[in-house]
C-alpha atoms as a PDB file:
ATOM      1  CA  MET A   1       1.291 -11.759 -11.320  1.00  0.00           C
ATOM      2  CA  VAL A   2      -2.314 -11.359 -12.237  1.00  0.00           C
ATOM      3  CA  ASN A   3      -4.564  -8.205 -12.315  1.00  0.00           C
ATOM      4  CA  ASP A   4      -7.110  -8.009  -9.503  1.00  0.00           C
ATOM      5  CA  SER A   5      -9.658  -5.397  -8.434  1.00  0.00           C
ATOM      6  CA  TYR A   6      -9.946  -4.322  -4.678  1.00  0.00           C
ATOM      7  CA  MET A   7     -12.279  -2.259  -2.629  1.00  0.00           C
ATOM      8  CA  ASP A   8     -11.074  -0.059   0.217  1.00  0.00           C
ATOM      9  CA  LEU A   9     -13.813  -0.402   2.819  1.00  0.00           C
ATOM     10  CA  LEU A  10     -12.101   1.877   5.288  1.00  0.00           C
ATOM     11  CA  ASN A  11     -11.756   4.945   2.889  1.00  0.00           C
ATOM     12  CA  ASN A  12     -14.653   7.403   3.368  1.00  0.00           C
ATOM     13  CA  VAL A  13     -13.721   9.910   0.573  1.00  0.00           C
ATOM     14  CA  GLY A  14     -12.489   9.512  -2.878  1.00  0.00           C
ATOM     15  CA  GLU A  15     -12.022   6.296  -4.945  1.00  0.00           C
ATOM     16  CA  SER A  16     -12.931   3.144  -3.085  1.00  0.00           C
ATOM     17  CA  LYS A  17     -12.063   0.629  -5.876  1.00  0.00           C
ATOM     18  CA  PHE A  18      -8.552   0.086  -7.154  1.00  0.00           C
ATOM     19  CA  SER A  19      -6.611  -2.242  -9.376  1.00  0.00           C
ATOM     20  CA  ALA A  20      -3.424  -3.997  -8.224  1.00  0.00           C
ATOM     21  CA  LYS A  21      -1.384  -7.029  -9.194  1.00  0.00           C
ATOM     22  CA  ARG A  22      -1.297 -10.131  -7.020  1.00  0.00           C
ATOM     23  CA  CYS A  23       1.294 -12.871  -7.081  1.00  0.00           C
ATOM     24  CA  VAL A  24      -0.443 -16.227  -7.644  1.00  0.00           C
ATOM     25  CA  GLN A  25       2.377 -18.018  -5.737  1.00  0.00           C
ATOM     26  CA  CYS A  26       2.830 -15.927  -2.637  1.00  0.00           C
ATOM     27  CA  GLY A  27      -0.227 -13.674  -2.580  1.00  0.00           C
ATOM     28  CA  GLU A  28       1.766 -10.363  -2.530  1.00  0.00           C
ATOM     29  CA  VAL A  29      -0.345  -7.411  -3.655  1.00  0.00           C
ATOM     30  CA  VAL A  30       1.383  -4.440  -5.379  1.00  0.00           C
ATOM     31  CA  ASP A  31      -0.032  -1.228  -6.658  1.00  0.00           C
ATOM     32  CA  PRO A  32       1.414   2.184  -7.631  1.00  0.00           C
ATOM     33  CA  VAL A  33       1.122   3.532  -4.152  1.00  0.00           C
ATOM     34  CA  ILE A  34       2.959   0.507  -2.639  1.00  0.00           C
ATOM     35  CA  LEU A  35       5.659   0.734  -5.188  1.00  0.00           C
ATOM     36  CA  ARG A  36       6.074   4.509  -4.648  1.00  0.00           C
ATOM     37  CA  ASN A  37       6.341   4.088  -0.832  1.00  0.00           C
ATOM     38  CA  ARG A  38       8.855   1.326  -1.216  1.00  0.00           C
ATOM     39  CA  GLY A  39      11.031   3.714  -3.158  1.00  0.00           C
ATOM     40  CA  THR A  40      10.852   6.423  -0.521  1.00  0.00           C
ATOM     41  CA  ARG A  41      13.480   6.367   2.105  1.00  0.00           C
ATOM     42  CA  GLN A  42      12.092   6.914   5.432  1.00  0.00           C
ATOM     43  CA  GLU A  43      14.119   7.828   8.617  1.00  0.00           C
ATOM     44  CA  PRO A  44      13.706   5.305  11.417  1.00  0.00           C
ATOM     45  CA  MET A  45      11.336   6.465  14.089  1.00  0.00           C
ATOM     46  CA  THR A  46      12.874   6.973  17.554  1.00  0.00           C
ATOM     47  CA  ALA A  47      11.093   7.074  20.933  1.00  0.00           C
ATOM     48  CA  SER A  48      11.538  10.833  21.161  1.00  0.00           C
ATOM     49  CA  SER A  49      10.141  11.436  17.598  1.00  0.00           C
ATOM     50  CA  ALA A  50       7.156   9.234  18.335  1.00  0.00           C
ATOM     51  CA  LEU A  51       6.113  11.481  21.230  1.00  0.00           C
ATOM     52  CA  VAL A  52       5.912  14.599  19.127  1.00  0.00           C
END
């Protein structure tokens, strides 16, 4: 893993630059937000909940 800097071109407010780690073998990018979201259990979306 190497440290990389990225720029969020779609974000209109707040911080547009952020740091993350990138795997030099597979290219996977991870940052604190990705790691936090991976740790959060989400309920599967059903067709009825998608329409709400």
